[in-house]
PDB file of N, CA and C in Angstrom:
ATOM      1  N   MET A   1       0.923  -1.095  -0.244  1.00  0.00           N
ATOM      2  CA  MET A   1       0.253  -0.280   0.032  1.00  0.00           C
ATOM      3  C   MET A   1       0.687   1.176   0.105  1.00  0.00           C
ATOM      4  N   ALA A   2       1.894   0.977   0.621  1.00  0.00           N
ATOM      5  CA  ALA A   2       3.165   2.409   0.760  1.00  0.00           C
ATOM      6  C   ALA A   2       3.614   2.468  -0.695  1.00  0.00           C
ATOM      7  N   ASP A   3       3.829   3.469  -0.979  1.00  0.00           N
ATOM      8  CA  ASP A   3       4.667   3.974  -2.243  1.00  0.00           C
ATOM      9  C   ASP A   3       5.735   4.768  -1.638  1.00  0.00           C
ATOM     10  N   ASP A   4       5.754   5.385  -0.767  1.00  0.00           N
ATOM     11  CA  ASP A   4       6.703   6.263  -0.166  1.00  0.00           C
ATOM     12  C   ASP A   4       7.724   5.343   0.227  1.00  0.00           C
ATOM     13  N   PRO A   5       9.068   5.438   0.141  1.00  0.00           N
ATOM     14  CA  PRO A   5      10.073   4.492   1.006  1.00  0.00           C
ATOM     15  C   PRO A   5      10.578   5.466   2.138  1.00  0.00           C
ATOM     16  N   ALA A   6      10.549   6.814   2.173  1.00  0.00           N
ATOM     17  CA  ALA A   6      10.700   7.749   3.245  1.00  0.00           C
ATOM     18  C   ALA A   6       9.722   7.596   4.101  1.00  0.00           C
ATOM     19  N   ARG A   7       8.574   7.303   3.982  1.00  0.00           N
ATOM     20  CA  ARG A   7       7.359   7.109   5.129  1.00  0.00           C
ATOM     21  C   ARG A   7       7.519   5.617   5.723  1.00  0.00           C
ATOM     22  N   THR A   8       7.550   5.452   6.744  1.00  0.00           N
ATOM     23  CA  THR A   8       7.337   4.100   7.538  1.00  0.00           C
ATOM     24  C   THR A   8       5.362   4.187   8.557  1.00  0.00           C
ATOM     25  N   TYR A   9       5.102   3.156   8.084  1.00  0.00           N
ATOM     26  CA  TYR A   9       3.783   2.903   9.112  1.00  0.00           C
ATOM     27  C   TYR A   9       4.235   1.616  10.128  1.00  0.00           C
ATOM     28  N   GLY A  10       3.535   2.151  11.544  1.00  0.00           N
ATOM     29  CA  GLY A  10       3.370   0.903  12.599  1.00  0.00           C
ATOM     30  C   GLY A  10       2.449   0.524  12.798  1.00  0.00           C
ATOM     31  N   ASP A  11       2.180  -0.488  13.931  1.00  0.00           N
ATOM     32  CA  ASP A  11       0.956  -1.314  14.005  1.00  0.00           C
ATOM     33  C   ASP A  11      -0.068  -0.413  14.293  1.00  0.00           C
ATOM     34  N   ALA A  12       0.096   0.681  15.173  1.00  0.00           N
ATOM     35  CA  ALA A  12      -1.246   1.466  15.353  1.00  0.00           C
ATOM     36  C   ALA A  12      -1.593   2.129  14.021  1.00  0.00           C
ATOM     37  N   ASP A  13      -0.614   2.327  12.913  1.00  0.00           N
ATOM     38  CA  ASP A  13      -1.509   2.765  11.519  1.00  0.00           C
ATOM     39  C   ASP A  13      -2.012   1.803  11.051  1.00  0.00           C
ATOM     40  N   ILE A  14      -1.566   0.405  10.606  1.00  0.00           N
ATOM     41  CA  ILE A  14      -2.368  -0.708  10.241  1.00  0.00           C
ATOM     42  C   ILE A  14      -3.807  -1.216  10.981  1.00  0.00           C
ATOM     43  N   ALA A  15      -3.422  -0.868  12.387  1.00  0.00           N
ATOM     44  CA  ALA A  15      -4.796  -1.159  13.264  1.00  0.00           C
ATOM     45  C   ALA A  15      -5.754  -0.489  12.792  1.00  0.00           C
ATOM     46  N   TRP A  16      -5.342   0.710  12.750  1.00  0.00           N
ATOM     47  CA  TRP A  16      -6.327   1.986  12.365  1.00  0.00           C
ATOM     48  C   TRP A  16      -7.086   1.407  10.494  1.00  0.00           C
ATOM     49  N   LEU A  17      -6.252   1.418   9.778  1.00  0.00           N
ATOM     50  CA  LEU A  17      -6.247   1.230   8.443  1.00  0.00           C
ATOM     51  C   LEU A  17      -7.353  -0.547   8.397  1.00  0.00           C
ATOM     52  N   LEU A  18      -6.704  -1.332   9.336  1.00  0.00           N
ATOM     53  CA  LEU A  18      -7.602  -2.729   8.995  1.00  0.00           C
ATOM     54  C   LEU A  18      -9.526  -2.194   9.705  1.00  0.00           C
ATOM     55  N   GLY A  19      -9.355  -0.867  10.722  1.00  0.00           N
ATOM     56  CA  GLY A  19     -10.369  -1.090  11.543  1.00  0.00           C
ATOM     57  C   GLY A  19     -11.468  -0.356  10.744  1.00  0.00           C
ATOM     58  N   SER A  20     -10.746   0.511   9.504  1.00  0.00           N
ATOM     59  CA  SER A  20     -11.395   1.264   8.826  1.00  0.00           C
ATOM     60  C   SER A  20     -12.275   0.903   7.799  1.00  0.00           C
ATOM     61  N   ARG A  21     -13.087   1.852   7.224  1.00  0.00           N
ATOM     62  CA  ARG A  21     -13.597   1.153   5.902  1.00  0.00           C
ATOM     63  C   ARG A  21     -13.196   0.273   4.918  1.00  0.00           C
ATOM     64  N   LEU A  22     -11.717   1.408   4.607  1.00  0.00           N
ATOM     65  CA  LEU A  22     -10.905   0.906   3.543  1.00  0.00           C
ATOM     66  C   LEU A  22     -10.320  -0.336   3.945  1.00  0.00           C
ATOM     67  N   GLY A  23     -10.717  -1.521   4.964  1.00  0.00           N
ATOM     68  CA  GLY A  23     -10.057  -2.485   5.553  1.00  0.00           C
ATOM     69  C   GLY A  23     -10.801  -3.674   4.920  1.00  0.00           C
ATOM     70  N   GLY A  24     -11.859  -3.329   4.276  1.00  0.00           N
ATOM     71  CA  GLY A  24     -12.555  -4.031   3.231  1.00  0.00           C
ATOM     72  C   GLY A  24     -12.194  -4.275   1.921  1.00  0.00           C
ATOM     73  N   TYR A  25     -11.097  -3.786   1.685  1.00  0.00           N
ATOM     74  CA  TYR A  25     -10.310  -4.004   0.154  1.00  0.00           C
ATOM     75  C   TYR A  25      -8.797  -4.501   0.187  1.00  0.00           C
ATOM     76  N   LEU A  26      -8.809  -4.777   1.370  1.00  0.00           N
ATOM     77  CA  LEU A  26      -7.743  -5.559   1.651  1.00  0.00           C
ATOM     78  C   LEU A  26      -7.564  -7.111   1.769  1.00  0.00           C
ATOM     79  N   ILE A  27      -6.182  -7.271   1.228  1.00  0.00           N
ATOM     80  CA  ILE A  27      -6.037  -8.958   2.010  1.00  0.00           C
ATOM     81  C   ILE A  27      -5.010  -9.089   2.110  1.00  0.00           C
ATOM     82  N   THR A  28      -4.446 -10.261   2.772  1.00  0.00           N
ATOM     83  CA  THR A  28      -3.754 -10.189   3.685  1.00  0.00           C
ATOM     84  C   THR A  28      -2.487 -11.104   2.883  1.00  0.00           C
ATOM     85  N   ASP A  29      -1.316 -10.854   2.609  1.00  0.00           N
ATOM     86  CA  ASP A  29      -0.541 -11.845   2.085  1.00  0.00           C
ATOM     87  C   ASP A  29       0.996 -11.561   2.891  1.00  0.00           C
ATOM     88  N   GLN A  30       1.792 -12.151   2.297  1.00  0.00           N
ATOM     89  CA  GLN A  30       3.362 -12.425   2.725  1.00  0.00           C
ATOM     90  C   GLN A  30       4.243 -12.464   1.429  1.00  0.00           C
ATOM     91  N   GLU A  31       5.440 -11.356   2.219  1.00  0.00           N
ATOM     92  CA  GLU A  31       6.510 -10.941   1.238  1.00  0.00           C
ATOM     93  C   GLU A  31       7.566 -10.865   2.132  1.00  0.00           C
ATOM     94  N   ASP A  32       8.795 -11.544   1.944  1.00  0.00           N
ATOM     95  CA  ASP A  32      10.054 -12.104   2.244  1.00  0.00           C
ATOM     96  C   ASP A  32       9.762 -12.472   3.837  1.00  0.00           C
ATOM     97  N   GLY A  33       8.978 -12.885   4.412  1.00  0.00           N
ATOM     98  CA  GLY A  33       8.449 -13.331   5.577  1.00  0.00           C
ATOM     99  C   GLY A  33       7.753 -12.389   6.438  1.00  0.00           C
ATOM    100  N   THR A  34       7.468 -11.434   5.891  1.00  0.00           N
ATOM    101  CA  THR A  34       6.968 -10.390   6.685  1.00  0.00           C
ATOM    102  C   THR A  34       5.024 -10.286   5.870  1.00  0.00           C
ATOM    103  N   THR A  35       4.435 -10.225   7.038  1.00  0.00           N
ATOM    104  CA  THR A  35       2.884  -9.896   6.730  1.00  0.00           C
ATOM    105  C   THR A  35       2.876  -8.090   5.937  1.00  0.00           C
ATOM    106  N   VAL A  36       1.781  -8.607   4.453  1.00  0.00           N
ATOM    107  CA  VAL A  36       1.497  -7.387   4.060  1.00  0.00           C
ATOM    108  C   VAL A  36       0.149  -7.217   3.618  1.00  0.00           C
ATOM    109  N   TYR A  37      -0.382  -6.245   3.402  1.00  0.00           N
ATOM    110  CA  TYR A  37      -1.457  -5.933   2.962  1.00  0.00           C
ATOM    111  C   TYR A  37      -1.622  -5.402   1.854  1.00  0.00           C
ATOM    112  N   ARG A  38      -2.414  -6.068   1.177  1.00  0.00           N
ATOM    113  CA  ARG A  38      -2.672  -5.721  -0.765  1.00  0.00           C
ATOM    114  C   ARG A  38      -4.010  -5.341  -1.371  1.00  0.00           C
ATOM    115  N   LEU A  39      -3.812  -4.286  -1.980  1.00  0.00           N
ATOM    116  CA  LEU A  39      -5.697  -4.297  -2.507  1.00  0.00           C
ATOM    117  C   LEU A  39      -6.155  -5.505  -3.144  1.00  0.00           C
ATOM    118  N   PHE A  40      -7.506  -5.991  -2.422  1.00  0.00           N
ATOM    119  CA  PHE A  40      -7.811  -6.920  -3.259  1.00  0.00           C
ATOM    120  C   PHE A  40      -7.794  -7.026  -4.702  1.00  0.00           C
ATOM    121  N   HIS A  41      -8.282  -5.798  -5.811  1.00  0.00           N
ATOM    122  CA  HIS A  41      -7.899  -5.815  -6.986  1.00  0.00           C
ATOM    123  C   HIS A  41      -7.048  -6.157  -7.535  1.00  0.00           C
ATOM    124  N   ASP A  42      -5.986  -5.771  -6.691  1.00  0.00           N
ATOM    125  CA  ASP A  42      -4.162  -6.649  -7.417  1.00  0.00           C
ATOM    126  C   ASP A  42      -4.478  -8.150  -7.563  1.00  0.00           C
ATOM    127  N   ALA A  43      -5.016  -8.915  -6.341  1.00  0.00           N
ATOM    128  CA  ALA A  43      -5.254 -10.037  -6.571  1.00  0.00           C
ATOM    129  C   ALA A  43      -6.110 -10.651  -7.688  1.00  0.00           C
ATOM    130  N   LEU A  44      -7.486 -10.112  -7.485  1.00  0.00           N
ATOM    131  CA  LEU A  44      -8.552 -10.181  -8.863  1.00  0.00           C
ATOM    132  C   LEU A  44      -7.739 -10.001 -10.268  1.00  0.00           C
ATOM    133  N   ARG A  45      -6.920  -8.852 -10.404  1.00  0.00           N
ATOM    134  CA  ARG A  45      -6.278  -8.711 -11.870  1.00  0.00           C
ATOM    135  C   ARG A  45      -5.230  -9.839 -11.828  1.00  0.00           C
ATOM    136  N   MET A  46      -5.157 -10.415 -11.031  1.00  0.00           N
ATOM    137  CA  MET A  46      -3.312 -11.477 -11.148  1.00  0.00           C
ATOM    138  C   MET A  46      -4.444 -12.716 -11.573  1.00  0.00           C
ATOM    139  N   ALA A  47      -5.520 -13.149 -10.989  1.00  0.00           N
ATOM    140  CA  ALA A  47      -5.903 -14.196 -11.062  1.00  0.00           C
ATOM    141  C   ALA A  47      -6.621 -14.185 -12.540  1.00  0.00           C
ATOM    142  N   LEU A  48      -7.452 -12.785 -13.047  1.00  0.00           N
ATOM    143  CA  LEU A  48      -7.734 -12.823 -13.991  1.00  0.00           C
ATOM    144  C   LEU A  48      -6.723 -13.246 -15.275  1.00  0.00           C
ATOM    145  N   ARG A  49      -5.584 -12.498 -15.091  1.00  0.00           N
ATOM    146  CA  ARG A  49      -4.791 -12.539 -16.030  1.00  0.00           C
ATOM    147  C   ARG A  49      -4.144 -14.303 -16.033  1.00  0.00           C
ATOM    148  N   GLU A  50      -3.813 -14.767 -15.483  1.00  0.00           N
ATOM    149  CA  GLU A  50      -3.274 -15.943 -14.903  1.00  0.00           C
ATOM    150  C   GLU A  50      -3.853 -17.551 -14.914  1.00  0.00           C
ATOM    151  N   GLN A  51      -4.999 -17.033 -14.313  1.00  0.00           N
ATOM    152  CA  GLN A  51      -5.672 -18.351 -13.781  1.00  0.00           C
ATOM    153  C   GLN A  51      -7.274 -18.496 -14.573  1.00  0.00           C
ATOM    154  N   TRP A  52      -7.464 -17.661 -15.589  1.00  0.00           N
ATOM    155  CA  TRP A  52      -8.659 -17.485 -16.420  1.00  0.00           C
ATOM    156  C   TRP A  52      -9.174 -18.990 -16.773  1.00  0.00           C
ATOM    157  N   ARG A  53      -8.400 -20.020 -17.306  1.00  0.00           N
ATOM    158  CA  ARG A  53      -8.637 -20.677 -17.503  1.00  0.00           C
ATOM    159  C   ARG A  53      -9.584 -21.835 -16.539  1.00  0.00           C
ATOM    160  N   ASP A  54      -8.743 -21.694 -15.292  1.00  0.00           N
ATOM    161  CA  ASP A  54      -9.668 -22.110 -14.091  1.00  0.00           C
ATOM    162  C   ASP A  54     -10.770 -21.658 -13.567  1.00  0.00           C
ATOM    163  N   LEU A  55     -10.798 -20.258 -13.910  1.00  0.00           N
ATOM    164  CA  LEU A  55     -12.044 -19.769 -13.567  1.00  0.00           C
ATOM    165  C   LEU A  55     -13.069 -20.087 -14.533  1.00  0.00           C
ATOM    166  N   LEU A  56     -12.935 -20.382 -15.947  1.00  0.00           N
ATOM    167  CA  LEU A  56     -13.879 -20.852 -16.687  1.00  0.00           C
ATOM    168  C   LEU A  56     -14.517 -22.312 -16.652  1.00  0.00           C
ATOM    169  N   ALA A  57     -13.544 -22.896 -16.235  1.00  0.00           N
ATOM    170  CA  ALA A  57     -13.899 -24.240 -16.298  1.00  0.00           C
ATOM    171  C   ALA A  57     -15.189 -24.774 -15.638  1.00  0.00           C
ATOM    172  N   ARG A  58     -15.360 -25.818 -15.669  1.00  0.00           N
ATOM    173  CA  ARG A  58     -16.594 -26.144 -15.240  1.00  0.00           C
ATOM    174  C   ARG A  58     -16.682 -26.961 -13.931  1.00  0.00           C
ATOM    175  N   PRO A  59     -17.438 -26.421 -13.001  1.00  0.00           N
ATOM    176  CA  PRO A  59     -17.221 -27.265 -11.913  1.00  0.00           C
ATOM    177  C   PRO A  59     -17.341 -28.345 -11.405  1.00  0.00           C
ATOM    178  N   ASP A  60     -16.882 -29.415 -10.823  1.00  0.00           N
ATOM    179  CA  ASP A  60     -16.799 -31.098 -10.399  1.00  0.00           C
ATOM    180  C   ASP A  60     -18.010 -31.024  -9.840  1.00  0.00           C
ATOM    181  N   PRO A  61     -18.932 -31.994 -10.527  1.00  0.00           N
ATOM    182  CA  PRO A  61     -20.291 -32.225  -9.982  1.00  0.00           C
ATOM    183  C   PRO A  61     -20.376 -32.696  -8.864  1.00  0.00           C
ATOM    184  N   GLY A  62     -19.634 -33.298  -8.104  1.00  0.00           N
ATOM    185  CA  GLY A  62     -19.233 -33.783  -6.756  1.00  0.00           C
ATOM    186  C   GLY A  62     -19.337 -32.705  -5.563  1.00  0.00           C
ATOM    187  N   MET A  63     -18.662 -31.867  -6.132  1.00  0.00           N
ATOM    188  CA  MET A  63     -18.139 -30.425  -5.457  1.00  0.00           C
ATOM    189  C   MET A  63     -19.598 -29.700  -4.766  1.00  0.00           C
ATOM    190  N   ALA A  64     -19.698 -29.308  -3.338  1.00  0.00           N
ATOM    191  CA  ALA A  64     -20.884 -28.803  -2.962  1.00  0.00           C
ATOM    192  C   ALA A  64     -21.508 -27.675  -3.917  1.00  0.00           C
ATOM    193  N   GLY A  65     -22.669 -27.621  -4.232  1.00  0.00           N
ATOM    194  CA  GLY A  65     -22.740 -26.359  -5.014  1.00  0.00           C
ATOM    195  C   GLY A  65     -22.251 -26.326  -6.611  1.00  0.00           C
ATOM    196  N   GLY A  66     -22.077 -27.700  -7.055  1.00  0.00           N
ATOM    197  CA  GLY A  66     -21.955 -27.342  -8.566  1.00  0.00           C
ATOM    198  C   GLY A  66     -22.890 -28.185  -8.618  1.00  0.00           C
TER     199      GLY A  66
END
């Protein structure tokens, strides 16, 4: 989320962000052994680019809801 390398964010900043309405737009990820928070649309974009065939595949009839 942070693009400014001169600015650092602490636990209080993260707690505020996750408690705000913006927290609903974030997903948790790991980078170099550190928990990071990313915008969910970045993950959606990656899935649509790289896994679109899987998303279009027919669901397994044995799966619940399929």
